[in-house]
Amino acid sequence: MTAKKKWSAEVTEHSDAMDLEDHIFEADDARKIAASLKRSAEHSDRRQAEPFQSAMSMLNFYINRAGKNLPQARRKVLEDAKDELRAAFGRPQQD
C-alpha cells in the first residue's frame, strides 16, 4: 500500500471529522449517501464544525482523494450527493 493510501485511510478513520457508515461512498444512490452523511454528522462526537460543514467536507475529501481515478459515473453520483446534502440541511442549491 502506498503512503498516500495509508495517509487518507488514517484521516478517514482517526480524524476529528466524524464517524462514517462503512462503505457509504460506494452506494449508487446520491440521496442515501447524503442521508447517511447527515445522520453521521449530527450524531458524531468527533466533529468540530457544524454538521453541514462536516458532512460536506467529508464528501469533498473523498472526491478529492480519488482524483483522476474516480470513474465519471461514480463522480456524478457523488456530485449529486452534494446537492442532496444541501437539500437535506435546507441549504440553497449551487449552480
PDB file of N, CA and C in Angstrom:
ATOM      1  N   MET A   1       0.843  -1.183   0.000  1.00  0.00           N
ATOM      2  CA  MET A   1       0.000   0.000   0.000  1.00  0.00           C
ATOM      3  C   MET A   1       0.886   1.243   0.000  1.00  0.00           C
ATOM      4  N   THR A   2       0.522   2.233  -0.778  1.00  0.00           N
ATOM      5  CA  THR A   2       1.339   3.435  -0.871  1.00  0.00           C
ATOM      6  C   THR A   2       1.112   4.343   0.333  1.00  0.00           C
ATOM      7  N   ALA A   3       2.033   5.262   0.526  1.00  0.00           N
ATOM      8  CA  ALA A   3       1.923   6.191   1.644  1.00  0.00           C
ATOM      9  C   ALA A   3       0.664   7.046   1.526  1.00  0.00           C
ATOM     10  N   LYS A   4       0.288   7.442   0.309  1.00  0.00           N
ATOM     11  CA  LYS A   4      -0.909   8.256   0.120  1.00  0.00           C
ATOM     12  C   LYS A   4      -2.161   7.514   0.581  1.00  0.00           C
ATOM     13  N   LYS A   5      -2.278   6.262   0.211  1.00  0.00           N
ATOM     14  CA  LYS A   5      -3.448   5.493   0.621  1.00  0.00           C
ATOM     15  C   LYS A   5      -3.479   5.350   2.134  1.00  0.00           C
ATOM     16  N   LYS A   6      -2.358   5.094   2.728  1.00  0.00           N
ATOM     17  CA  LYS A   6      -2.301   4.978   4.180  1.00  0.00           C
ATOM     18  C   LYS A   6      -2.682   6.303   4.832  1.00  0.00           C
ATOM     19  N   TRP A   7      -2.196   7.417   4.258  1.00  0.00           N
ATOM     20  CA  TRP A   7      -2.487   8.727   4.821  1.00  0.00           C
ATOM     21  C   TRP A   7      -3.980   9.016   4.779  1.00  0.00           C
ATOM     22  N   SER A   8      -4.619   8.798   3.638  1.00  0.00           N
ATOM     23  CA  SER A   8      -6.038   9.118   3.524  1.00  0.00           C
ATOM     24  C   SER A   8      -6.895   8.183   4.373  1.00  0.00           C
ATOM     25  N   ALA A   9      -6.509   6.928   4.462  1.00  0.00           N
ATOM     26  CA  ALA A   9      -7.234   5.995   5.322  1.00  0.00           C
ATOM     27  C   ALA A   9      -7.110   6.420   6.779  1.00  0.00           C
ATOM     28  N   GLU A  10      -5.937   6.862   7.157  1.00  0.00           N
ATOM     29  CA  GLU A  10      -5.705   7.338   8.519  1.00  0.00           C
ATOM     30  C   GLU A  10      -6.602   8.547   8.823  1.00  0.00           C
ATOM     31  N   VAL A  11      -6.689   9.481   7.891  1.00  0.00           N
ATOM     32  CA  VAL A  11      -7.531  10.659   8.084  1.00  0.00           C
ATOM     33  C   VAL A  11      -8.989  10.243   8.221  1.00  0.00           C
ATOM     34  N   THR A  12      -9.444   9.382   7.350  1.00  0.00           N
ATOM     35  CA  THR A  12     -10.833   8.945   7.374  1.00  0.00           C
ATOM     36  C   THR A  12     -11.178   8.241   8.684  1.00  0.00           C
ATOM     37  N   GLU A  13     -10.289   7.414   9.172  1.00  0.00           N
ATOM     38  CA  GLU A  13     -10.577   6.617  10.359  1.00  0.00           C
ATOM     39  C   GLU A  13     -10.342   7.342  11.668  1.00  0.00           C
ATOM     40  N   HIS A  14      -9.351   8.230  11.709  1.00  0.00           N
ATOM     41  CA  HIS A  14      -8.945   8.777  13.007  1.00  0.00           C
ATOM     42  C   HIS A  14      -8.983  10.289  13.114  1.00  0.00           C
ATOM     43  N   SER A  15      -9.503  10.971  12.130  1.00  0.00           N
ATOM     44  CA  SER A  15      -9.558  12.428  12.213  1.00  0.00           C
ATOM     45  C   SER A  15     -10.688  12.843  13.157  1.00  0.00           C
ATOM     46  N   ASP A  16     -10.764  14.131  13.420  1.00  0.00           N
ATOM     47  CA  ASP A  16     -11.860  14.649  14.226  1.00  0.00           C
ATOM     48  C   ASP A  16     -13.037  15.035  13.350  1.00  0.00           C
ATOM     49  N   ALA A  17     -13.125  14.452  12.184  1.00  0.00           N
ATOM     50  CA  ALA A  17     -14.200  14.794  11.252  1.00  0.00           C
ATOM     51  C   ALA A  17     -15.526  14.232  11.761  1.00  0.00           C
ATOM     52  N   MET A  18     -15.743  12.952  11.606  1.00  0.00           N
ATOM     53  CA  MET A  18     -16.966  12.311  12.095  1.00  0.00           C
ATOM     54  C   MET A  18     -16.891  10.816  11.847  1.00  0.00           C
ATOM     55  N   ASP A  19     -17.826  10.100  12.451  1.00  0.00           N
ATOM     56  CA  ASP A  19     -17.907   8.656  12.297  1.00  0.00           C
ATOM     57  C   ASP A  19     -18.796   8.336  11.102  1.00  0.00           C
ATOM     58  N   LEU A  20     -18.257   7.577  10.140  1.00  0.00           N
ATOM     59  CA  LEU A  20     -18.989   7.283   8.908  1.00  0.00           C
ATOM     60  C   LEU A  20     -19.515   5.859   8.885  1.00  0.00           C
ATOM     61  N   GLU A  21     -20.627   5.677   8.181  1.00  0.00           N
ATOM     62  CA  GLU A  21     -21.159   4.349   7.902  1.00  0.00           C
ATOM     63  C   GLU A  21     -20.177   3.645   6.969  1.00  0.00           C
ATOM     64  N   ASP A  22     -19.937   2.371   7.190  1.00  0.00           N
ATOM     65  CA  ASP A  22     -18.999   1.622   6.351  1.00  0.00           C
ATOM     66  C   ASP A  22     -19.447   1.614   4.895  1.00  0.00           C
ATOM     67  N   HIS A  23     -18.519   1.854   4.007  1.00  0.00           N
ATOM     68  CA  HIS A  23     -18.714   1.769   2.553  1.00  0.00           C
ATOM     69  C   HIS A  23     -19.793   2.709   2.014  1.00  0.00           C
ATOM     70  N   ILE A  24     -20.085   3.789   2.704  1.00  0.00           N
ATOM     71  CA  ILE A  24     -21.166   4.665   2.266  1.00  0.00           C
ATOM     72  C   ILE A  24     -20.859   5.316   0.923  1.00  0.00           C
ATOM     73  N   PHE A  25     -19.606   5.604   0.641  1.00  0.00           N
ATOM     74  CA  PHE A  25     -19.279   6.264  -0.620  1.00  0.00           C
ATOM     75  C   PHE A  25     -19.360   5.312  -1.810  1.00  0.00           C
ATOM     76  N   GLU A  26     -19.615   4.044  -1.570  1.00  0.00           N
ATOM     77  CA  GLU A  26     -19.772   3.062  -2.640  1.00  0.00           C
ATOM     78  C   GLU A  26     -21.235   2.921  -3.060  1.00  0.00           C
ATOM     79  N   ALA A  27     -22.149   3.561  -2.341  1.00  0.00           N
ATOM     80  CA  ALA A  27     -23.576   3.458  -2.655  1.00  0.00           C
ATOM     81  C   ALA A  27     -23.863   4.109  -4.012  1.00  0.00           C
ATOM     82  N   ASP A  28     -24.877   3.594  -4.697  1.00  0.00           N
ATOM     83  CA  ASP A  28     -25.253   4.115  -6.012  1.00  0.00           C
ATOM     84  C   ASP A  28     -26.345   5.178  -5.941  1.00  0.00           C
ATOM     85  N   ASP A  29     -26.871   5.428  -4.764  1.00  0.00           N
ATOM     86  CA  ASP A  29     -27.966   6.375  -4.588  1.00  0.00           C
ATOM     87  C   ASP A  29     -27.451   7.621  -3.865  1.00  0.00           C
ATOM     88  N   ALA A  30     -27.470   8.759  -4.564  1.00  0.00           N
ATOM     89  CA  ALA A  30     -26.969  10.017  -4.001  1.00  0.00           C
ATOM     90  C   ALA A  30     -27.746  10.412  -2.747  1.00  0.00           C
ATOM     91  N   ARG A  31     -29.046  10.166  -2.752  1.00  0.00           N
ATOM     92  CA  ARG A  31     -29.877  10.506  -1.595  1.00  0.00           C
ATOM     93  C   ARG A  31     -29.478   9.667  -0.382  1.00  0.00           C
ATOM     94  N   LYS A  32     -29.163   8.411  -0.593  1.00  0.00           N
ATOM     95  CA  LYS A  32     -28.740   7.530   0.502  1.00  0.00           C
ATOM     96  C   LYS A  32     -27.402   8.010   1.082  1.00  0.00           C
ATOM     97  N   ILE A  33     -26.486   8.402   0.220  1.00  0.00           N
ATOM     98  CA  ILE A  33     -25.188   8.913   0.677  1.00  0.00           C
ATOM     99  C   ILE A  33     -25.399  10.165   1.517  1.00  0.00           C
ATOM    100  N   ALA A  34     -26.209  11.098   1.009  1.00  0.00           N
ATOM    101  CA  ALA A  34     -26.463  12.351   1.720  1.00  0.00           C
ATOM    102  C   ALA A  34     -27.131  12.095   3.071  1.00  0.00           C
ATOM    103  N   ALA A  35     -28.113  11.206   3.094  1.00  0.00           N
ATOM    104  CA  ALA A  35     -28.814  10.914   4.350  1.00  0.00           C
ATOM    105  C   ALA A  35     -27.867  10.300   5.376  1.00  0.00           C
ATOM    106  N   SER A  36     -26.997   9.425   4.923  1.00  0.00           N
ATOM    107  CA  SER A  36     -26.036   8.798   5.827  1.00  0.00           C
ATOM    108  C   SER A  36     -25.036   9.818   6.364  1.00  0.00           C
ATOM    109  N   LEU A  37     -24.532  10.690   5.489  1.00  0.00           N
ATOM    110  CA  LEU A  37     -23.600  11.726   5.931  1.00  0.00           C
ATOM    111  C   LEU A  37     -24.267  12.683   6.918  1.00  0.00           C
ATOM    112  N   LYS A  38     -25.503  13.040   6.653  1.00  0.00           N
ATOM    113  CA  LYS A  38     -26.236  13.932   7.557  1.00  0.00           C
ATOM    114  C   LYS A  38     -26.397  13.268   8.918  1.00  0.00           C
ATOM    115  N   ARG A  39     -26.838  12.022   8.917  1.00  0.00           N
ATOM    116  CA  ARG A  39     -27.029  11.276  10.158  1.00  0.00           C
ATOM    117  C   ARG A  39     -25.720  11.166  10.935  1.00  0.00           C
ATOM    118  N   SER A  40     -24.653  10.832  10.225  1.00  0.00           N
ATOM    119  CA  SER A  40     -23.343  10.696  10.871  1.00  0.00           C
ATOM    120  C   SER A  40     -22.858  12.023  11.446  1.00  0.00           C
ATOM    121  N   ALA A  41     -23.039  13.091  10.681  1.00  0.00           N
ATOM    122  CA  ALA A  41     -22.582  14.409  11.133  1.00  0.00           C
ATOM    123  C   ALA A  41     -23.350  14.877  12.362  1.00  0.00           C
ATOM    124  N   GLU A  42     -24.644  14.612  12.381  1.00  0.00           N
ATOM    125  CA  GLU A  42     -25.459  15.064  13.506  1.00  0.00           C
ATOM    126  C   GLU A  42     -25.214  14.257  14.776  1.00  0.00           C
ATOM    127  N   HIS A  43     -24.781  13.021  14.633  1.00  0.00           N
ATOM    128  CA  HIS A  43     -24.594  12.161  15.804  1.00  0.00           C
ATOM    129  C   HIS A  43     -23.145  11.961  16.227  1.00  0.00           C
ATOM    130  N   SER A  44     -22.213  12.453  15.434  1.00  0.00           N
ATOM    131  CA  SER A  44     -20.801  12.219  15.726  1.00  0.00           C
ATOM    132  C   SER A  44     -20.319  13.050  16.907  1.00  0.00           C
ATOM    133  N   ASP A  45     -19.536  12.414  17.751  1.00  0.00           N
ATOM    134  CA  ASP A  45     -18.889  13.114  18.861  1.00  0.00           C
ATOM    135  C   ASP A  45     -17.521  13.635  18.444  1.00  0.00           C
ATOM    136  N   ARG A  46     -17.077  13.283  17.227  1.00  0.00           N
ATOM    137  CA  ARG A  46     -15.724  13.622  16.785  1.00  0.00           C
ATOM    138  C   ARG A  46     -15.648  14.854  15.902  1.00  0.00           C
ATOM    139  N   ARG A  47     -16.771  15.353  15.435  1.00  0.00           N
ATOM    140  CA  ARG A  47     -16.710  16.505  14.537  1.00  0.00           C
ATOM    141  C   ARG A  47     -16.462  17.780  15.332  1.00  0.00           C
ATOM    142  N   GLN A  48     -15.821  18.745  14.679  1.00  0.00           N
ATOM    143  CA  GLN A  48     -15.539  20.013  15.339  1.00  0.00           C
ATOM    144  C   GLN A  48     -16.346  21.167  14.744  1.00  0.00           C
ATOM    145  N   ALA A  49     -16.836  21.017  13.533  1.00  0.00           N
ATOM    146  CA  ALA A  49     -17.602  22.065  12.862  1.00  0.00           C
ATOM    147  C   ALA A  49     -19.093  21.739  12.962  1.00  0.00           C
ATOM    148  N   GLU A  50     -19.907  22.595  12.351  1.00  0.00           N
ATOM    149  CA  GLU A  50     -21.346  22.351  12.271  1.00  0.00           C
ATOM    150  C   GLU A  50     -21.590  21.092  11.429  1.00  0.00           C
ATOM    151  N   PRO A  51     -22.716  20.406  11.654  1.00  0.00           N
ATOM    152  CA  PRO A  51     -22.983  19.162  10.921  1.00  0.00           C
ATOM    153  C   PRO A  51     -22.911  19.289   9.401  1.00  0.00           C
ATOM    154  N   PHE A  52     -23.515  20.351   8.833  1.00  0.00           N
ATOM    155  CA  PHE A  52     -23.483  20.506   7.375  1.00  0.00           C
ATOM    156  C   PHE A  52     -22.053  20.619   6.864  1.00  0.00           C
ATOM    157  N   GLN A  53     -21.268  21.460   7.500  1.00  0.00           N
ATOM    158  CA  GLN A  53     -19.886  21.665   7.071  1.00  0.00           C
ATOM    159  C   GLN A  53     -19.074  20.378   7.191  1.00  0.00           C
ATOM    160  N   SER A  54     -19.263  19.639   8.258  1.00  0.00           N
ATOM    161  CA  SER A  54     -18.532  18.388   8.437  1.00  0.00           C
ATOM    162  C   SER A  54     -18.901  17.361   7.369  1.00  0.00           C
ATOM    163  N   ALA A  55     -20.206  17.245   7.100  1.00  0.00           N
ATOM    164  CA  ALA A  55     -20.665  16.280   6.099  1.00  0.00           C
ATOM    165  C   ALA A  55     -20.155  16.638   4.704  1.00  0.00           C
ATOM    166  N   MET A  56     -20.269  17.909   4.338  1.00  0.00           N
ATOM    167  CA  MET A  56     -19.815  18.344   3.016  1.00  0.00           C
ATOM    168  C   MET A  56     -18.298  18.202   2.895  1.00  0.00           C
ATOM    169  N   SER A  57     -17.584  18.506   3.947  1.00  0.00           N
ATOM    170  CA  SER A  57     -16.128  18.381   3.925  1.00  0.00           C
ATOM    171  C   SER A  57     -15.690  16.933   3.727  1.00  0.00           C
ATOM    172  N   MET A  58     -16.375  16.010   4.374  1.00  0.00           N
ATOM    173  CA  MET A  58     -16.015  14.603   4.223  1.00  0.00           C
ATOM    174  C   MET A  58     -16.310  14.127   2.807  1.00  0.00           C
ATOM    175  N   LEU A  59     -17.412  14.563   2.239  1.00  0.00           N
ATOM    176  CA  LEU A  59     -17.742  14.198   0.860  1.00  0.00           C
ATOM    177  C   LEU A  59     -16.717  14.767  -0.112  1.00  0.00           C
ATOM    178  N   ASN A  60     -16.360  16.026   0.059  1.00  0.00           N
ATOM    179  CA  ASN A  60     -15.332  16.643  -0.798  1.00  0.00           C
ATOM    180  C   ASN A  60     -13.980  15.970  -0.610  1.00  0.00           C
ATOM    181  N   PHE A  61     -13.653  15.611   0.614  1.00  0.00           N
ATOM    182  CA  PHE A  61     -12.396  14.917   0.890  1.00  0.00           C
ATOM    183  C   PHE A  61     -12.329  13.618   0.091  1.00  0.00           C
ATOM    184  N   TYR A  62     -13.403  12.850   0.120  1.00  0.00           N
ATOM    185  CA  TYR A  62     -13.428  11.579  -0.600  1.00  0.00           C
ATOM    186  C   TYR A  62     -13.275  11.796  -2.104  1.00  0.00           C
ATOM    187  N   ILE A  63     -14.007  12.752  -2.654  1.00  0.00           N
ATOM    188  CA  ILE A  63     -13.929  13.038  -4.092  1.00  0.00           C
ATOM    189  C   ILE A  63     -12.521  13.483  -4.474  1.00  0.00           C
ATOM    190  N   ASN A  64     -11.953  14.373  -3.695  1.00  0.00           N
ATOM    191  CA  ASN A  64     -10.623  14.897  -3.999  1.00  0.00           C
ATOM    192  C   ASN A  64      -9.533  13.840  -3.869  1.00  0.00           C
ATOM    193  N   ARG A  65      -9.639  12.967  -2.897  1.00  0.00           N
ATOM    194  CA  ARG A  65      -8.626  11.923  -2.723  1.00  0.00           C
ATOM    195  C   ARG A  65      -8.672  10.917  -3.866  1.00  0.00           C
ATOM    196  N   ALA A  66      -9.857  10.670  -4.406  1.00  0.00           N
ATOM    197  CA  ALA A  66      -9.973   9.736  -5.526  1.00  0.00           C
ATOM    198  C   ALA A  66      -9.383  10.341  -6.792  1.00  0.00           C
ATOM    199  N   GLY A  67      -9.525  11.646  -6.947  1.00  0.00           N
ATOM    200  CA  GLY A  67      -8.925  12.361  -8.068  1.00  0.00           C
ATOM    201  C   GLY A  67      -9.292  11.792  -9.421  1.00  0.00           C
ATOM    202  N   LYS A  68      -8.286  11.627 -10.266  1.00  0.00           N
ATOM    203  CA  LYS A  68      -8.483  11.156 -11.634  1.00  0.00           C
ATOM    204  C   LYS A  68      -8.909   9.694 -11.687  1.00  0.00           C
ATOM    205  N   ASN A  69      -8.703   8.957 -10.605  1.00  0.00           N
ATOM    206  CA  ASN A  69      -9.059   7.536 -10.585  1.00  0.00           C
ATOM    207  C   ASN A  69     -10.555   7.305 -10.391  1.00  0.00           C
ATOM    208  N   LEU A  70     -11.304   8.352 -10.099  1.00  0.00           N
ATOM    209  CA  LEU A  70     -12.734   8.219  -9.872  1.00  0.00           C
ATOM    210  C   LEU A  70     -13.465   8.186 -11.217  1.00  0.00           C
ATOM    211  N   PRO A  71     -14.132   7.078 -11.529  1.00  0.00           N
ATOM    212  CA  PRO A  71     -14.864   6.993 -12.805  1.00  0.00           C
ATOM    213  C   PRO A  71     -15.936   8.080 -12.900  1.00  0.00           C
ATOM    214  N   GLN A  72     -16.227   8.507 -14.101  1.00  0.00           N
ATOM    215  CA  GLN A  72     -17.180   9.596 -14.330  1.00  0.00           C
ATOM    216  C   GLN A  72     -18.547   9.288 -13.719  1.00  0.00           C
ATOM    217  N   ALA A  73     -19.033   8.065 -13.859  1.00  0.00           N
ATOM    218  CA  ALA A  73     -20.340   7.703 -13.303  1.00  0.00           C
ATOM    219  C   ALA A  73     -20.340   7.816 -11.779  1.00  0.00           C
ATOM    220  N   ARG A  74     -19.257   7.409 -11.155  1.00  0.00           N
ATOM    221  CA  ARG A  74     -19.121   7.483  -9.694  1.00  0.00           C
ATOM    222  C   ARG A  74     -19.055   8.946  -9.247  1.00  0.00           C
ATOM    223  N   ARG A  75     -18.292   9.747  -9.995  1.00  0.00           N
ATOM    224  CA  ARG A  75     -18.177  11.174  -9.683  1.00  0.00           C
ATOM    225  C   ARG A  75     -19.558  11.842  -9.765  1.00  0.00           C
ATOM    226  N   LYS A  76     -20.355  11.465 -10.768  1.00  0.00           N
ATOM    227  CA  LYS A  76     -21.703  12.029 -10.934  1.00  0.00           C
ATOM    228  C   LYS A  76     -22.570  11.728  -9.720  1.00  0.00           C
ATOM    229  N   VAL A  77     -22.537  10.492  -9.243  1.00  0.00           N
ATOM    230  CA  VAL A  77     -23.322  10.119  -8.053  1.00  0.00           C
ATOM    231  C   VAL A  77     -22.884  10.953  -6.851  1.00  0.00           C
ATOM    232  N   LEU A  78     -21.575  11.107  -6.669  1.00  0.00           N
ATOM    233  CA  LEU A  78     -21.063  11.855  -5.524  1.00  0.00           C
ATOM    234  C   LEU A  78     -21.345  13.349  -5.636  1.00  0.00           C
ATOM    235  N   GLU A  79     -21.273  13.885  -6.836  1.00  0.00           N
ATOM    236  CA  GLU A  79     -21.619  15.298  -7.040  1.00  0.00           C
ATOM    237  C   GLU A  79     -23.110  15.514  -6.788  1.00  0.00           C
ATOM    238  N   ASP A  80     -23.934  14.561  -7.222  1.00  0.00           N
ATOM    239  CA  ASP A  80     -25.371  14.638  -6.948  1.00  0.00           C
ATOM    240  C   ASP A  80     -25.637  14.557  -5.444  1.00  0.00           C
ATOM    241  N   ALA A  81     -24.809  13.805  -4.737  1.00  0.00           N
ATOM    242  CA  ALA A  81     -24.951  13.692  -3.283  1.00  0.00           C
ATOM    243  C   ALA A  81     -24.723  15.046  -2.607  1.00  0.00           C
ATOM    244  N   LYS A  82     -23.887  15.885  -3.190  1.00  0.00           N
ATOM    245  CA  LYS A  82     -23.693  17.233  -2.643  1.00  0.00           C
ATOM    246  C   LYS A  82     -25.008  18.014  -2.676  1.00  0.00           C
ATOM    247  N   ASP A  83     -25.703  17.941  -3.818  1.00  0.00           N
ATOM    248  CA  ASP A  83     -26.991  18.627  -3.931  1.00  0.00           C
ATOM    249  C   ASP A  83     -28.012  18.056  -2.951  1.00  0.00           C
ATOM    250  N   GLU A  84     -28.029  16.741  -2.815  1.00  0.00           N
ATOM    251  CA  GLU A  84     -28.944  16.097  -1.870  1.00  0.00           C
ATOM    252  C   GLU A  84     -28.611  16.492  -0.432  1.00  0.00           C
ATOM    253  N   LEU A  85     -27.337  16.622  -0.132  1.00  0.00           N
ATOM    254  CA  LEU A  85     -26.903  17.024   1.202  1.00  0.00           C
ATOM    255  C   LEU A  85     -27.346  18.456   1.498  1.00  0.00           C
ATOM    256  N   ARG A  86     -27.194  19.345   0.518  1.00  0.00           N
ATOM    257  CA  ARG A  86     -27.660  20.723   0.689  1.00  0.00           C
ATOM    258  C   ARG A  86     -29.166  20.736   0.957  1.00  0.00           C
ATOM    259  N   ALA A  87     -29.919  19.950   0.202  1.00  0.00           N
ATOM    260  CA  ALA A  87     -31.370  19.885   0.383  1.00  0.00           C
ATOM    261  C   ALA A  87     -31.722  19.321   1.762  1.00  0.00           C
ATOM    262  N   ALA A  88     -31.009  18.309   2.198  1.00  0.00           N
ATOM    263  CA  ALA A  88     -31.272  17.683   3.495  1.00  0.00           C
ATOM    264  C   ALA A  88     -31.066  18.661   4.649  1.00  0.00           C
ATOM    265  N   PHE A  89     -30.133  19.582   4.481  1.00  0.00           N
ATOM    266  CA  PHE A  89     -29.859  20.573   5.520  1.00  0.00           C
ATOM    267  C   PHE A  89     -30.589  21.896   5.260  1.00  0.00           C
ATOM    268  N   GLY A  90     -31.434  21.957   4.215  1.00  0.00           N
ATOM    269  CA  GLY A  90     -32.189  23.156   3.914  1.00  0.00           C
ATOM    270  C   GLY A  90     -31.317  24.297   3.399  1.00  0.00           C
ATOM    271  N   ARG A  91     -30.239  23.947   2.730  1.00  0.00           N
ATOM    272  CA  ARG A  91     -29.335  24.948   2.153  1.00  0.00           C
ATOM    273  C   ARG A  91     -29.676  25.167   0.696  1.00  0.00           C
ATOM    274  N   PRO A  92     -29.408  26.378   0.170  1.00  0.00           N
ATOM    275  CA  PRO A  92     -29.703  26.632  -1.243  1.00  0.00           C
ATOM    276  C   PRO A  92     -28.783  25.810  -2.170  1.00  0.00           C
ATOM    277  N   GLN A  93     -29.346  25.421  -3.313  1.00  0.00           N
ATOM    278  CA  GLN A  93     -28.572  24.685  -4.316  1.00  0.00           C
ATOM    279  C   GLN A  93     -27.563  25.610  -4.976  1.00  0.00           C
ATOM    280  N   GLN A  94     -26.430  25.073  -5.363  1.00  0.00           N
ATOM    281  CA  GLN A  94     -25.436  25.858  -6.069  1.00  0.00           C
ATOM    282  C   GLN A  94     -25.488  25.511  -7.539  1.00  0.00           C
ATOM    283  N   ASP A  95     -25.169  26.495  -8.373  1.00  0.00           N
ATOM    284  CA  ASP A  95     -25.175  26.279  -9.827  1.00  0.00           C
ATOM    285  C   ASP A  95     -23.946  25.588 -10.298  1.00  0.00           C
TER     286      ASP A  95
END
